[in-house]
PDB file of N, CA and C in Angstrom:
ATOM      1  N   MET A   1     209.683  14.214 106.789  1.00  0.00           N
ATOM      2  CA  MET A   1     210.655  13.813 106.102  1.00  0.00           C
ATOM      3  C   MET A   1     209.953  14.269 104.170  1.00  0.00           C
ATOM      4  N   GLN A   2     211.065  14.765 103.993  1.00  0.00           N
ATOM      5  CA  GLN A   2     210.821  15.971 102.706  1.00  0.00           C
ATOM      6  C   GLN A   2     211.791  14.708 101.532  1.00  0.00           C
ATOM      7  N   THR A   3     210.576  14.336 100.677  1.00  0.00           N
ATOM      8  CA  THR A   3     211.350  13.616  99.133  1.00  0.00           C
ATOM      9  C   THR A   3     211.731  14.327  98.251  1.00  0.00           C
ATOM     10  N   LEU A   4     212.846  14.379  97.396  1.00  0.00           N
ATOM     11  CA  LEU A   4     213.249  15.056  96.546  1.00  0.00           C
ATOM     12  C   LEU A   4     213.387  13.860  95.092  1.00  0.00           C
ATOM     13  N   ILE A   5     212.585  13.986  93.854  1.00  0.00           N
ATOM     14  CA  ILE A   5     212.901  12.576  92.613  1.00  0.00           C
ATOM     15  C   ILE A   5     213.747  13.762  92.061  1.00  0.00           C
ATOM     16  N   SER A   6     214.902  13.133  91.376  1.00  0.00           N
ATOM     17  CA  SER A   6     215.411  13.983  90.333  1.00  0.00           C
ATOM     18  C   SER A   6     215.713  12.852  89.235  1.00  0.00           C
ATOM     19  N   PHE A   7     215.321  13.601  88.315  1.00  0.00           N
ATOM     20  CA  PHE A   7     215.462  12.575  86.643  1.00  0.00           C
ATOM     21  C   PHE A   7     216.216  13.620  85.886  1.00  0.00           C
ATOM     22  N   PRO A   8     216.792  12.952  84.807  1.00  0.00           N
ATOM     23  CA  PRO A   8     217.380  13.780  83.784  1.00  0.00           C
ATOM     24  C   PRO A   8     216.478  14.442  82.676  1.00  0.00           C
ATOM     25  N   ALA A   9     216.158  15.342  82.883  1.00  0.00           N
ATOM     26  CA  ALA A   9     215.150  16.026  81.315  1.00  0.00           C
ATOM     27  C   ALA A   9     215.422  15.677  80.102  1.00  0.00           C
ATOM     28  N   SER A  10     216.963  15.965  79.783  1.00  0.00           N
ATOM     29  CA  SER A  10     218.002  15.547  78.492  1.00  0.00           C
ATOM     30  C   SER A  10     217.309  14.358  78.271  1.00  0.00           C
ATOM     31  N   GLY A  11     217.108  12.904  79.199  1.00  0.00           N
ATOM     32  CA  GLY A  11     216.953  12.081  78.887  1.00  0.00           C
ATOM     33  C   GLY A  11     215.486  11.525  78.718  1.00  0.00           C
ATOM     34  N   THR A  12     214.964  12.244  78.831  1.00  0.00           N
ATOM     35  CA  THR A  12     213.380  12.076  78.405  1.00  0.00           C
ATOM     36  C   THR A  12     212.670  12.827  77.240  1.00  0.00           C
ATOM     37  N   SER A  13     211.993  12.385  76.658  1.00  0.00           N
ATOM     38  CA  SER A  13     211.632  12.901  75.936  1.00  0.00           C
ATOM     39  C   SER A  13     210.103  14.121  76.118  1.00  0.00           C
ATOM     40  N   SER A  14     209.427  14.974  75.634  1.00  0.00           N
ATOM     41  CA  SER A  14     208.758  15.715  75.831  1.00  0.00           C
ATOM     42  C   SER A  14     207.214  15.159  75.711  1.00  0.00           C
ATOM     43  N   ARG A  15     207.385  13.973  75.223  1.00  0.00           N
ATOM     44  CA  ARG A  15     205.704  12.833  75.518  1.00  0.00           C
ATOM     45  C   ARG A  15     206.049  12.771  77.134  1.00  0.00           C
ATOM     46  N   GLU A  16     206.833  12.165  77.680  1.00  0.00           N
ATOM     47  CA  GLU A  16     207.286  11.755  78.764  1.00  0.00           C
ATOM     48  C   GLU A  16     207.112  12.822  79.902  1.00  0.00           C
ATOM     49  N   LEU A  17     207.604  13.879  79.552  1.00  0.00           N
ATOM     50  CA  LEU A  17     207.927  15.017  80.384  1.00  0.00           C
ATOM     51  C   LEU A  17     206.516  15.444  80.572  1.00  0.00           C
ATOM     52  N   GLY A  18     205.649  16.251  79.816  1.00  0.00           N
ATOM     53  CA  GLY A  18     204.678  16.397  80.018  1.00  0.00           C
ATOM     54  C   GLY A  18     203.298  15.858  80.850  1.00  0.00           C
ATOM     55  N   PRO A  19     202.672  14.387  80.546  1.00  0.00           N
ATOM     56  CA  PRO A  19     202.184  13.845  81.564  1.00  0.00           C
ATOM     57  C   PRO A  19     203.018  13.528  83.197  1.00  0.00           C
ATOM     58  N   ILE A  20     204.319  14.264  83.321  1.00  0.00           N
ATOM     59  CA  ILE A  20     204.686  13.387  84.253  1.00  0.00           C
ATOM     60  C   ILE A  20     204.475  14.734  85.090  1.00  0.00           C
ATOM     61  N   LEU A  21     204.535  16.088  84.870  1.00  0.00           N
ATOM     62  CA  LEU A  21     204.540  17.909  85.282  1.00  0.00           C
ATOM     63  C   LEU A  21     202.895  17.918  85.505  1.00  0.00           C
ATOM     64  N   SER A  22     201.570  17.387  84.455  1.00  0.00           N
ATOM     65  CA  SER A  22     200.843  17.531  85.025  1.00  0.00           C
ATOM     66  C   SER A  22     200.279  16.620  85.525  1.00  0.00           C
ATOM     67  N   ASP A  23     200.790  15.310  86.284  1.00  0.00           N
ATOM     68  CA  ASP A  23     200.306  14.573  87.158  1.00  0.00           C
ATOM     69  C   ASP A  23     200.997  15.234  88.366  1.00  0.00           C
ATOM     70  N   TYR A  24     201.982  15.871  88.494  1.00  0.00           N
ATOM     71  CA  TYR A  24     202.481  16.295  89.542  1.00  0.00           C
ATOM     72  C   TYR A  24     201.688  17.546  90.130  1.00  0.00           C
ATOM     73  N   LEU A  25     200.935  18.486  88.909  1.00  0.00           N
ATOM     74  CA  LEU A  25     200.554  19.592  89.392  1.00  0.00           C
ATOM     75  C   LEU A  25     199.054  18.745  89.802  1.00  0.00           C
ATOM     76  N   ALA A  26     198.505  17.855  89.333  1.00  0.00           N
ATOM     77  CA  ALA A  26     197.101  17.477  89.609  1.00  0.00           C
ATOM     78  C   ALA A  26     197.177  16.805  91.158  1.00  0.00           C
ATOM     79  N   LEU A  27     198.579  16.353  91.881  1.00  0.00           N
ATOM     80  CA  LEU A  27     198.697  15.958  92.989  1.00  0.00           C
ATOM     81  C   LEU A  27     198.544  16.666  94.070  1.00  0.00           C
ATOM     82  N   ASP A  28     199.549  17.960  93.612  1.00  0.00           N
ATOM     83  CA  ASP A  28     199.554  18.846  94.318  1.00  0.00           C
ATOM     84  C   ASP A  28     198.108  19.410  94.549  1.00  0.00           C
ATOM     85  N   ARG A  29     197.404  19.760  93.398  1.00  0.00           N
ATOM     86  CA  ARG A  29     196.036  20.234  93.986  1.00  0.00           C
ATOM     87  C   ARG A  29     195.327  19.614  94.489  1.00  0.00           C
ATOM     88  N   ALA A  30     195.498  18.598  94.614  1.00  0.00           N
ATOM     89  CA  ALA A  30     194.441  17.394  95.448  1.00  0.00           C
ATOM     90  C   ALA A  30     195.152  17.286  96.839  1.00  0.00           C
ATOM     91  N   ARG A  31     196.382  17.395  97.053  1.00  0.00           N
ATOM     92  CA  ARG A  31     197.034  17.738  98.582  1.00  0.00           C
ATOM     93  C   ARG A  31     196.309  19.166  98.892  1.00  0.00           C
ATOM     94  N   ILE A  32     196.270  19.826  98.101  1.00  0.00           N
ATOM     95  CA  ILE A  32     195.714  21.593  98.710  1.00  0.00           C
ATOM     96  C   ILE A  32     194.255  21.219  98.856  1.00  0.00           C
ATOM     97  N   VAL A  33     193.320  20.560  98.137  1.00  0.00           N
ATOM     98  CA  VAL A  33     192.136  20.549  98.389  1.00  0.00           C
ATOM     99  C   VAL A  33     191.925  19.742  99.383  1.00  0.00           C
ATOM    100  N   ARG A  34     191.970  18.555  99.859  1.00  0.00           N
ATOM    101  CA  ARG A  34     192.399  17.725 101.031  1.00  0.00           C
ATOM    102  C   ARG A  34     192.552  18.916 102.374  1.00  0.00           C
ATOM    103  N   ARG A  35     193.567  19.152 102.252  1.00  0.00           N
ATOM    104  CA  ARG A  35     194.109  20.208 103.580  1.00  0.00           C
ATOM    105  C   ARG A  35     192.985  21.448 103.922  1.00  0.00           C
ATOM    106  N   LEU A  36     192.472  21.472 102.546  1.00  0.00           N
ATOM    107  CA  LEU A  36     191.586  22.108 103.068  1.00  0.00           C
ATOM    108  C   LEU A  36     189.916  21.896 103.375  1.00  0.00           C
ATOM    109  N   MET A  37     189.550  20.699 102.684  1.00  0.00           N
ATOM    110  CA  MET A  37     188.585  19.856 103.442  1.00  0.00           C
ATOM    111  C   MET A  37     188.612  19.244 104.763  1.00  0.00           C
ATOM    112  N   VAL A  38     189.922  18.967 104.997  1.00  0.00           N
ATOM    113  CA  VAL A  38     190.279  18.235 106.255  1.00  0.00           C
ATOM    114  C   VAL A  38     189.760  19.523 107.368  1.00  0.00           C
ATOM    115  N   ALA A  39     190.261  20.492 107.077  1.00  0.00           N
ATOM    116  CA  ALA A  39     189.806  22.007 108.128  1.00  0.00           C
ATOM    117  C   ALA A  39     188.589  22.364 108.073  1.00  0.00           C
ATOM    118  N   ARG A  40     188.203  22.180 107.091  1.00  0.00           N
ATOM    119  CA  ARG A  40     186.254  23.240 107.313  1.00  0.00           C
ATOM    120  C   ARG A  40     185.582  21.677 107.590  1.00  0.00           C
ATOM    121  N   PHE A  41     185.563  20.900 106.909  1.00  0.00           N
ATOM    122  CA  PHE A  41     184.686  19.567 107.674  1.00  0.00           C
ATOM    123  C   PHE A  41     185.133  18.414 108.903  1.00  0.00           C
ATOM    124  N   GLY A  42     186.657  19.229 109.351  1.00  0.00           N
ATOM    125  CA  GLY A  42     186.173  19.090 110.791  1.00  0.00           C
ATOM    126  C   GLY A  42     185.653  19.959 111.477  1.00  0.00           C
ATOM    127  N   VAL A  43     185.805  21.312 111.279  1.00  0.00           N
ATOM    128  CA  VAL A  43     184.966  21.769 111.867  1.00  0.00           C
ATOM    129  C   VAL A  43     183.214  22.140 112.057  1.00  0.00           C
ATOM    130  N   LEU A  44     182.872  21.703 110.984  1.00  0.00           N
ATOM    131  CA  LEU A  44     181.475  21.189 110.344  1.00  0.00           C
ATOM    132  C   LEU A  44     181.277  20.092 111.738  1.00  0.00           C
ATOM    133  N   ALA A  45     182.347  19.146 111.444  1.00  0.00           N
ATOM    134  CA  ALA A  45     181.499  17.686 112.280  1.00  0.00           C
ATOM    135  C   ALA A  45     181.594  18.212 113.553  1.00  0.00           C
ATOM    136  N   LEU A  46     182.459  19.043 113.998  1.00  0.00           N
ATOM    137  CA  LEU A  46     182.874  19.232 115.531  1.00  0.00           C
ATOM    138  C   LEU A  46     181.643  20.313 115.879  1.00  0.00           C
ATOM    139  N   LEU A  47     181.495  21.499 115.115  1.00  0.00           N
ATOM    140  CA  LEU A  47     180.071  22.229 115.426  1.00  0.00           C
ATOM    141  C   LEU A  47     178.640  21.088 115.067  1.00  0.00           C
ATOM    142  N   ALA A  48     178.658  20.123 114.493  1.00  0.00           N
ATOM    143  CA  ALA A  48     177.261  19.351 114.504  1.00  0.00           C
ATOM    144  C   ALA A  48     177.299  18.388 115.744  1.00  0.00           C
ATOM    145  N   ALA A  49     178.379  18.511 116.220  1.00  0.00           N
ATOM    146  CA  ALA A  49     178.469  17.395 117.272  1.00  0.00           C
ATOM    147  C   ALA A  49     177.792  18.073 118.773  1.00  0.00           C
ATOM    148  N   LEU A  50     178.725  19.072 118.498  1.00  0.00           N
ATOM    149  CA  LEU A  50     178.116  20.565 119.710  1.00  0.00           C
ATOM    150  C   LEU A  50     177.051  20.746 119.620  1.00  0.00           C
ATOM    151  N   LEU A  51     176.199  20.593 118.793  1.00  0.00           N
ATOM    152  CA  LEU A  51     175.167  21.410 118.548  1.00  0.00           C
ATOM    153  C   LEU A  51     173.550  20.316 119.251  1.00  0.00           C
ATOM    154  N   GLU A  52     174.462  19.131 118.475  1.00  0.00           N
ATOM    155  CA  GLU A  52     173.460  18.044 118.703  1.00  0.00           C
ATOM    156  C   GLU A  52     173.683  17.323 120.330  1.00  0.00           C
ATOM    157  N   THR A  53     174.816  18.089 121.035  1.00  0.00           N
ATOM    158  CA  THR A  53     174.891  17.463 122.649  1.00  0.00           C
ATOM    159  C   THR A  53     173.934  18.626 122.917  1.00  0.00           C
ATOM    160  N   VAL A  54     173.883  19.936 122.904  1.00  0.00           N
ATOM    161  CA  VAL A  54     172.795  20.905 123.229  1.00  0.00           C
ATOM    162  C   VAL A  54     171.982  20.795 122.809  1.00  0.00           C
ATOM    163  N   PHE A  55     171.220  20.569 122.030  1.00  0.00           N
ATOM    164  CA  PHE A  55     169.803  19.853 121.503  1.00  0.00           C
ATOM    165  C   PHE A  55     170.039  18.318 121.516  1.00  0.00           C
ATOM    166  N   ARG A  56     168.491  17.882 122.742  1.00  0.00           N
ATOM    167  CA  ARG A  56     168.949  16.859 123.305  1.00  0.00           C
ATOM    168  C   ARG A  56     167.801  16.444 122.532  1.00  0.00           C
ATOM    169  N   GLY A  57     167.396  16.634 121.367  1.00  0.00           N
ATOM    170  CA  GLY A  57     166.287  15.785 120.314  1.00  0.00           C
ATOM    171  C   GLY A  57     166.899  14.745 119.860  1.00  0.00           C
ATOM    172  N   PHE A  58     167.989  14.363 119.396  1.00  0.00           N
ATOM    173  CA  PHE A  58     168.770  13.574 118.716  1.00  0.00           C
ATOM    174  C   PHE A  58     168.994  12.098 118.962  1.00  0.00           C
ATOM    175  N   SER A  59     168.625  11.430 118.327  1.00  0.00           N
ATOM    176  CA  SER A  59     169.357   9.966 118.962  1.00  0.00           C
ATOM    177  C   SER A  59     170.885   9.847 118.820  1.00  0.00           C
ATOM    178  N   PRO A  60     171.455   8.796 119.261  1.00  0.00           N
ATOM    179  CA  PRO A  60     172.767   8.837 119.363  1.00  0.00           C
ATOM    180  C   PRO A  60     173.151   8.426 117.777  1.00  0.00           C
ATOM    181  N   PHE A  61     172.079   7.249 117.037  1.00  0.00           N
ATOM    182  CA  PHE A  61     172.740   7.324 115.653  1.00  0.00           C
ATOM    183  C   PHE A  61     172.335   8.064 114.838  1.00  0.00           C
ATOM    184  N   ALA A  62     171.428   9.343 115.402  1.00  0.00           N
ATOM    185  CA  ALA A  62     171.399  10.316 114.153  1.00  0.00           C
ATOM    186  C   ALA A  62     172.795  11.248 114.270  1.00  0.00           C
ATOM    187  N   ARG A  63     172.981  11.353 115.882  1.00  0.00           N
ATOM    188  CA  ARG A  63     174.911  12.533 115.944  1.00  0.00           C
ATOM    189  C   ARG A  63     175.765  11.898 115.335  1.00  0.00           C
ATOM    190  N   ALA A  64     175.841  10.156 114.935  1.00  0.00           N
ATOM    191  CA  ALA A  64     176.950   9.800 114.710  1.00  0.00           C
ATOM    192  C   ALA A  64     176.984   9.798 113.104  1.00  0.00           C
ATOM    193  N   VAL A  65     175.830   9.421 112.665  1.00  0.00           N
ATOM    194  CA  VAL A  65     175.787   9.593 111.100  1.00  0.00           C
ATOM    195  C   VAL A  65     175.974  10.954 110.315  1.00  0.00           C
ATOM    196  N   THR A  66     175.669  11.851 111.798  1.00  0.00           N
ATOM    197  CA  THR A  66     175.742  13.178 110.919  1.00  0.00           C
ATOM    198  C   THR A  66     177.161  13.499 110.893  1.00  0.00           C
ATOM    199  N   VAL A  67     177.881  13.517 112.023  1.00  0.00           N
ATOM    200  CA  VAL A  67     179.555  13.818 112.089  1.00  0.00           C
ATOM    201  C   VAL A  67     180.379  12.977 111.416  1.00  0.00           C
ATOM    202  N   ALA A  68     179.706  11.254 110.735  1.00  0.00           N
ATOM    203  CA  ALA A  68     180.425  10.925 109.578  1.00  0.00           C
ATOM    204  C   ALA A  68     180.498  11.301 108.653  1.00  0.00           C
ATOM    205  N   LEU A  69     179.112  11.968 108.498  1.00  0.00           N
ATOM    206  CA  LEU A  69     178.813  12.416 106.996  1.00  0.00           C
ATOM    207  C   LEU A  69     179.568  13.263 106.742  1.00  0.00           C
ATOM    208  N   CYS A  70     180.075  14.223 107.728  1.00  0.00           N
ATOM    209  CA  CYS A  70     180.742  15.583 107.481  1.00  0.00           C
ATOM    210  C   CYS A  70     182.416  14.965 107.102  1.00  0.00           C
ATOM    211  N   LEU A  71     182.587  13.727 107.746  1.00  0.00           N
ATOM    212  CA  LEU A  71     183.976  13.259 107.389  1.00  0.00           C
ATOM    213  C   LEU A  71     184.324  12.529 106.053  1.00  0.00           C
ATOM    214  N   VAL A  72     183.036  12.354 105.875  1.00  0.00           N
ATOM    215  CA  VAL A  72     183.284  11.548 104.604  1.00  0.00           C
ATOM    216  C   VAL A  72     183.881  12.243 103.432  1.00  0.00           C
ATOM    217  N   PRO A  73     184.109  13.849 102.808  1.00  0.00           N
ATOM    218  CA  PRO A  73     184.609  14.518 101.972  1.00  0.00           C
ATOM    219  C   PRO A  73     186.157  14.092 101.990  1.00  0.00           C
ATOM    220  N   PRO A  74     186.539  14.465 103.464  1.00  0.00           N
ATOM    221  CA  PRO A  74     187.859  14.621 103.438  1.00  0.00           C
ATOM    222  C   PRO A  74     188.332  13.323 102.938  1.00  0.00           C
ATOM    223  N   VAL A  75     187.552  12.160 103.731  1.00  0.00           N
ATOM    224  CA  VAL A  75     188.214  10.856 103.466  1.00  0.00           C
ATOM    225  C   VAL A  75     188.384  10.820 102.109  1.00  0.00           C
ATOM    226  N   TRP A  76     187.304  10.985 101.428  1.00  0.00           N
ATOM    227  CA  TRP A  76     187.300  10.809  99.883  1.00  0.00           C
ATOM    228  C   TRP A  76     188.400  11.569  99.200  1.00  0.00           C
ATOM    229  N   ALA A  77     188.932  13.024  99.701  1.00  0.00           N
ATOM    230  CA  ALA A  77     189.639  13.538  98.770  1.00  0.00           C
ATOM    231  C   ALA A  77     191.309  13.046  98.835  1.00  0.00           C
ATOM    232  N   ARG A  78     191.373  12.328 100.363  1.00  0.00           N
ATOM    233  CA  ARG A  78     192.628  11.592 100.232  1.00  0.00           C
ATOM    234  C   ARG A  78     192.769  10.211  99.618  1.00  0.00           C
ATOM    235  N   ILE A  79     191.709   9.538  99.237  1.00  0.00           N
ATOM    236  CA  ILE A  79     191.869   8.268  98.176  1.00  0.00           C
ATOM    237  C   ILE A  79     192.164   8.974  96.950  1.00  0.00           C
ATOM    238  N   VAL A  80     191.260  10.057  96.697  1.00  0.00           N
ATOM    239  CA  VAL A  80     191.823  10.684  95.158  1.00  0.00           C
ATOM    240  C   VAL A  80     193.012  10.961  95.168  1.00  0.00           C
ATOM    241  N   GLU A  81     194.057  11.729  96.173  1.00  0.00           N
ATOM    242  CA  GLU A  81     195.109  11.866  96.312  1.00  0.00           C
ATOM    243  C   GLU A  81     195.982  11.013  96.491  1.00  0.00           C
ATOM    244  N   LEU A  82     195.576   9.442  96.719  1.00  0.00           N
ATOM    245  CA  LEU A  82     196.837   8.294  96.732  1.00  0.00           C
ATOM    246  C   LEU A  82     196.434   7.710  95.134  1.00  0.00           C
ATOM    247  N   GLY A  83     195.824   7.942  94.798  1.00  0.00           N
ATOM    248  CA  GLY A  83     195.746   7.344  93.567  1.00  0.00           C
ATOM    249  C   GLY A  83     196.036   8.180  92.706  1.00  0.00           C
ATOM    250  N   ARG A  84     196.189   9.339  92.578  1.00  0.00           N
ATOM    251  CA  ARG A  84     197.430  10.768  91.792  1.00  0.00           C
ATOM    252  C   ARG A  84     198.782  10.109  92.322  1.00  0.00           C
ATOM    253  N   GLU A  85     198.766  10.177  93.472  1.00  0.00           N
ATOM    254  CA  GLU A  85     200.357   9.687  94.084  1.00  0.00           C
ATOM    255  C   GLU A  85     201.081   8.329  93.392  1.00  0.00           C
ATOM    256  N   ARG A  86     200.161   7.263  93.336  1.00  0.00           N
ATOM    257  CA  ARG A  86     200.554   6.294  92.694  1.00  0.00           C
ATOM    258  C   ARG A  86     200.492   6.337  91.253  1.00  0.00           C
ATOM    259  N   ARG A  87     199.824   7.072  90.852  1.00  0.00           N
ATOM    260  CA  ARG A  87     200.280   7.178  88.997  1.00  0.00           C
ATOM    261  C   ARG A  87     201.288   7.914  88.709  1.00  0.00           C
ATOM    262  N   LEU A  88     201.489   9.401  89.663  1.00  0.00           N
ATOM    263  CA  LEU A  88     202.953  10.013  89.200  1.00  0.00           C
ATOM    264  C   LEU A  88     203.820   9.060  89.597  1.00  0.00           C
ATOM    265  N   SER A  89     204.407   8.297  90.761  1.00  0.00           N
ATOM    266  CA  SER A  89     205.009   7.145  91.167  1.00  0.00           C
ATOM    267  C   SER A  89     205.170   6.795  90.206  1.00  0.00           C
ATOM    268  N   GLN A  90     204.284   6.064  89.289  1.00  0.00           N
ATOM    269  CA  GLN A  90     204.753   4.869  88.262  1.00  0.00           C
ATOM    270  C   GLN A  90     205.226   5.406  87.238  1.00  0.00           C
ATOM    271  N   ARG A  91     204.867   6.435  86.671  1.00  0.00           N
ATOM    272  CA  ARG A  91     204.907   7.569  86.209  1.00  0.00           C
ATOM    273  C   ARG A  91     206.588   7.581  86.062  1.00  0.00           C
ATOM    274  N   ILE A  92     207.330   7.391  87.113  1.00  0.00           N
ATOM    275  CA  ILE A  92     208.083   8.672  87.341  1.00  0.00           C
ATOM    276  C   ILE A  92     209.274   7.014  87.145  1.00  0.00           C
ATOM    277  N   GLU A  93     208.864   5.909  87.734  1.00  0.00           N
ATOM    278  CA  GLU A  93     209.504   4.736  87.748  1.00  0.00           C
ATOM    279  C   GLU A  93     209.963   4.476  86.341  1.00  0.00           C
ATOM    280  N   ARG A  94     209.077   4.268  85.395  1.00  0.00           N
ATOM    281  CA  ARG A  94     209.576   4.017  83.989  1.00  0.00           C
ATOM    282  C   ARG A  94     210.579   4.992  83.643  1.00  0.00           C
ATOM    283  N   ILE A  95     211.409   5.850  84.063  1.00  0.00           N
ATOM    284  CA  ILE A  95     212.290   6.651  83.661  1.00  0.00           C
ATOM    285  C   ILE A  95     213.994   6.333  83.766  1.00  0.00           C
ATOM    286  N   ASP A  96     214.460   6.135  83.138  1.00  0.00           N
ATOM    287  CA  ASP A  96     215.889   5.739  83.199  1.00  0.00           C
ATOM    288  C   ASP A  96     216.286   6.406  84.109  1.00  0.00           C
ATOM    289  N   GLY A  97     217.209   6.282  84.896  1.00  0.00           N
ATOM    290  CA  GLY A  97     218.264   7.256  85.621  1.00  0.00           C
ATOM    291  C   GLY A  97     217.244   8.371  87.016  1.00  0.00           C
ATOM    292  N   ALA A  98     216.030   8.014  87.023  1.00  0.00           N
ATOM    293  CA  ALA A  98     215.283   8.905  87.947  1.00  0.00           C
ATOM    294  C   ALA A  98     216.093   8.220  89.835  1.00  0.00           C
ATOM    295  N   VAL A  99     215.986   9.308  90.360  1.00  0.00           N
ATOM    296  CA  VAL A  99     217.164   9.462  91.403  1.00  0.00           C
ATOM    297  C   VAL A  99     216.100   9.899  92.747  1.00  0.00           C
ATOM    298  N   THR A 100     215.807   9.728  93.737  1.00  0.00           N
ATOM    299  CA  THR A 100     214.921   9.544  94.835  1.00  0.00           C
ATOM    300  C   THR A 100     215.788   9.741  96.022  1.00  0.00           C
ATOM    301  N   HIS A 101     215.305  11.125  96.775  1.00  0.00           N
ATOM    302  CA  HIS A 101     216.661  11.463  97.474  1.00  0.00           C
ATOM    303  C   HIS A 101     215.605  11.574  98.880  1.00  0.00           C
ATOM    304  N   LYS A 102     215.803  11.392  99.957  1.00  0.00           N
ATOM    305  CA  LYS A 102     214.687  11.381 101.229  1.00  0.00           C
ATOM    306  C   LYS A 102     215.762  12.042 102.226  1.00  0.00           C
ATOM    307  N   PHE A 103     215.329  13.330 102.854  1.00  0.00           N
ATOM    308  CA  PHE A 103     215.737  14.004 103.849  1.00  0.00           C
ATOM    309  C   PHE A 103     215.048  14.130 104.599  1.00  0.00           C
ATOM    310  N   VAL A 104     216.093  14.244 106.209  1.00  0.00           N
ATOM    311  CA  VAL A 104     214.911  14.995 106.818  1.00  0.00           C
ATOM    312  C   VAL A 104     215.731  16.781 107.754  1.00  0.00           C
ATOM    313  N   PRO A 105     214.640  17.682 107.664  1.00  0.00           N
ATOM    314  CA  PRO A 105     215.089  18.948 107.770  1.00  0.00           C
ATOM    315  C   PRO A 105     215.733  18.868 109.120  1.00  0.00           C
ATOM    316  N   ARG A 106     216.662  20.010 109.688  1.00  0.00           N
ATOM    317  CA  ARG A 106     217.189  20.173 110.512  1.00  0.00           C
ATOM    318  C   ARG A 106     215.973  21.134 111.746  1.00  0.00           C
ATOM    319  N   SER A 107     216.227  19.932 113.088  1.00  0.00           N
ATOM    320  CA  SER A 107     215.534  20.900 113.498  1.00  0.00           C
ATOM    321  C   SER A 107     215.258  22.076 113.773  1.00  0.00           C
ATOM    322  N   GLY A 108     215.863  22.829 113.834  1.00  0.00           N
ATOM    323  CA  GLY A 108     215.883  24.696 114.098  1.00  0.00           C
ATOM    324  C   GLY A 108     215.516  25.127 112.476  1.00  0.00           C
ATOM    325  N   ASP A 109     215.629  24.402 111.263  1.00  0.00           N
ATOM    326  CA  ASP A 109     215.426  24.497 110.530  1.00  0.00           C
ATOM    327  C   ASP A 109     213.903  24.385 110.050  1.00  0.00           C
ATOM    328  N   GLN A 110     213.038  25.269 110.071  1.00  0.00           N
ATOM    329  CA  GLN A 110     211.664  25.418 109.962  1.00  0.00           C
ATOM    330  C   GLN A 110     210.878  26.055 108.376  1.00  0.00           C
ATOM    331  N   ARG A 111     211.951  26.572 107.514  1.00  0.00           N
ATOM    332  CA  ARG A 111     211.522  26.924 106.316  1.00  0.00           C
ATOM    333  C   ARG A 111     211.333  25.973 105.266  1.00  0.00           C
ATOM    334  N   ALA A 112     210.780  25.560 104.400  1.00  0.00           N
ATOM    335  CA  ALA A 112     210.641  24.916 103.344  1.00  0.00           C
ATOM    336  C   ALA A 112     211.664  24.829 102.399  1.00  0.00           C
ATOM    337  N   PRO A 113     212.190  23.923 102.228  1.00  0.00           N
ATOM    338  CA  PRO A 113     213.437  23.624 100.494  1.00  0.00           C
ATOM    339  C   PRO A 113     213.165  24.604  99.492  1.00  0.00           C
ATOM    340  N   ALA A 114     213.997  25.165  98.832  1.00  0.00           N
ATOM    341  CA  ALA A 114     213.943  25.724  97.795  1.00  0.00           C
ATOM    342  C   ALA A 114     214.138  24.762  97.022  1.00  0.00           C
TER     343      ALA A 114
END
């Protein structure tokens, strides 16, 4: 489901608009970093689990800790992303006339909305 938030830019001052745009860009950057971390650390965790299974010198606790440590950075990135999302939504809620539209793209339409 996609969410589109619109508000009258003419009704907001530049003092309000600047922080909203910077929070949106920070949220977008946090999403990109989280997605990259999930992919890279997920592969690293899988590789560590496979190697520790092949080489039998590790205890089950050591195997679990190694995989868990590989998953900590993506979880932390998600926590940061949620904080930035909350801050952006709080700023948008303070604007009069802000409207939120939620829509589901058609099943055959796989392109990103313009």
